[in-house]
Amino acid sequence: MNKSELVDAVASEAGLTKEQATKAINAFTSSVQGALERGDDVVLVGFGTFSVKERAARTGRNPKTGEPLQIAASKVPGFKAGKGLKDAVNPTEKSAKKGKK
């Protein structure tokens, strides 16, 4: 699903115009980005957590020459899915557990 498809889905689900849905999605992404820039986590219970993770400096290899090179330490955005989202993506685990009783 790309952004325009997401806008259509949000507009349909929430009863908004496409313009309103676009503004809402842009506000959400901007707010999450701002929080991560400040070093805050964004926790959406049942959906997941957006956070900033530290990536240590490491030695890599130039794929063309095979020469080793230093890759600097960096911060990267991360997302950890919440239980509700995991259960929605893996519904068979629930039904398999229920069937064993």
Protein backbone atom coordinates (compact mmCIF):
# COMPACT_ATOMS: atom_id res chain seq x y z
CA MET A 1 0.00 0.00 0.00
CA ASN A 2 1.46 3.36 -0.98
CA LYS A 3 0.61 6.77 0.48
CA SER A 4 -2.22 7.58 -1.96
CA GLU A 5 -3.82 4.19 -1.27
CA LEU A 6 -3.48 4.84 2.45
CA VAL A 7 -5.14 8.25 2.02
CA ASP A 8 -8.04 6.58 0.17
CA ALA A 9 -8.40 3.92 2.89
CA VAL A 10 -8.30 6.45 5.75
CA ALA A 11 -10.77 8.75 3.98
CA SER A 12 -13.17 5.86 3.43
CA GLU A 13 -12.82 4.37 6.92
CA ALA A 14 -13.08 7.69 8.81
CA GLY A 15 -15.64 9.38 6.57
CA LEU A 16 -13.21 12.16 5.60
CA THR A 17 -12.45 13.84 2.33
CA LYS A 18 -9.18 12.86 0.66
CA GLU A 19 -7.80 16.32 1.51
CA GLN A 20 -8.64 15.87 5.20
CA ALA A 21 -7.18 12.35 5.24
CA THR A 22 -3.99 13.63 3.58
CA LYS A 23 -3.65 16.35 6.24
CA ALA A 24 -4.23 13.81 9.02
CA ILE A 25 -1.64 11.37 7.66
CA ASN A 26 0.89 14.16 7.10
CA ALA A 27 0.31 15.42 10.65
CA PHE A 28 0.78 11.90 12.04
CA THR A 29 4.04 11.25 10.17
CA SER A 30 5.34 14.72 11.03
CA SER A 31 4.51 14.21 14.71
CA VAL A 32 6.21 10.80 14.83
CA GLN A 33 9.27 12.21 13.05
CA GLY A 34 9.46 15.15 15.45
CA ALA A 35 9.22 12.88 18.48
CA LEU A 36 11.98 10.61 17.15
CA GLU A 37 14.19 13.63 16.39
CA ARG A 38 13.83 14.67 20.06
CA GLY A 39 14.76 11.14 21.13
CA ASP A 40 11.25 10.26 22.33
CA ASP A 41 9.45 6.99 21.66
CA VAL A 42 5.95 6.93 20.17
CA VAL A 43 3.88 4.16 21.76
CA LEU A 44 0.55 3.17 20.21
CA VAL A 45 -0.83 0.48 22.53
CA GLY A 46 -1.90 -2.59 20.58
CA PHE A 47 -0.22 -1.33 17.39
CA GLY A 48 3.45 -0.81 18.15
CA THR A 49 6.30 1.44 19.22
CA PHE A 50 8.41 3.76 17.09
CA SER A 51 11.83 4.42 18.60
CA VAL A 52 15.37 5.49 17.78
CA LYS A 53 18.04 2.80 17.95
CA GLU A 54 21.79 3.25 18.15
CA ARG A 55 23.83 1.44 15.52
CA ALA A 56 27.45 0.92 16.56
CA ALA A 57 30.41 1.74 14.31
CA ARG A 58 31.56 -1.29 12.39
CA THR A 59 33.88 -2.47 9.65
CA GLY A 60 32.28 -3.24 6.30
CA ARG A 61 33.58 -4.21 2.89
CA ASN A 62 33.42 -2.39 -0.40
CA PRO A 63 31.41 -4.83 -2.53
CA LYS A 64 33.31 -3.89 -5.68
CA THR A 65 36.89 -4.10 -4.39
CA GLY A 66 36.50 -6.15 -1.21
CA GLU A 67 38.47 -3.49 0.67
CA PRO A 68 37.54 -3.03 4.33
CA LEU A 69 36.04 0.33 5.27
CA GLN A 70 34.80 1.94 8.45
CA ILE A 71 31.07 2.56 8.78
CA ALA A 72 30.33 5.30 11.29
CA ALA A 73 27.97 4.88 14.24
CA SER A 74 24.48 6.16 13.54
CA LYS A 75 20.96 6.40 14.85
CA VAL A 76 18.20 4.61 12.97
CA PRO A 77 14.42 4.67 13.38
CA GLY A 78 12.90 1.41 14.50
CA PHE A 79 9.44 -0.07 14.89
CA LYS A 80 8.40 -2.92 17.16
CA ALA A 81 4.95 -4.34 16.49
CA GLY A 82 2.55 -4.59 19.41
CA LYS A 83 0.58 -7.68 20.38
CA GLY A 84 -2.60 -6.57 18.61
CA LEU A 85 -0.78 -6.05 15.31
CA LYS A 86 1.13 -9.33 15.65
CA ASP A 87 -2.10 -11.21 16.34
CA ALA A 88 -3.78 -9.58 13.33
CA VAL A 89 -0.92 -10.62 11.05
CA ASN A 90 -0.68 -14.16 12.50
CA PRO A 91 -4.26 -15.25 13.16
CA THR A 92 -3.38 -18.94 12.74
CA GLU A 93 -1.42 -18.98 16.00
CA LYS A 94 -4.58 -18.12 17.94
CA SER A 95 -6.72 -20.71 16.18
CA ALA A 96 -4.00 -23.38 16.54
CA LYS A 97 -3.79 -22.76 20.29
CA LYS A 98 -7.58 -22.91 20.64
CA GLY A 99 -7.71 -26.19 18.74
CA LYS A 100 -5.29 -27.89 21.18
CA LYS A 101 -7.59 -27.47 24.19
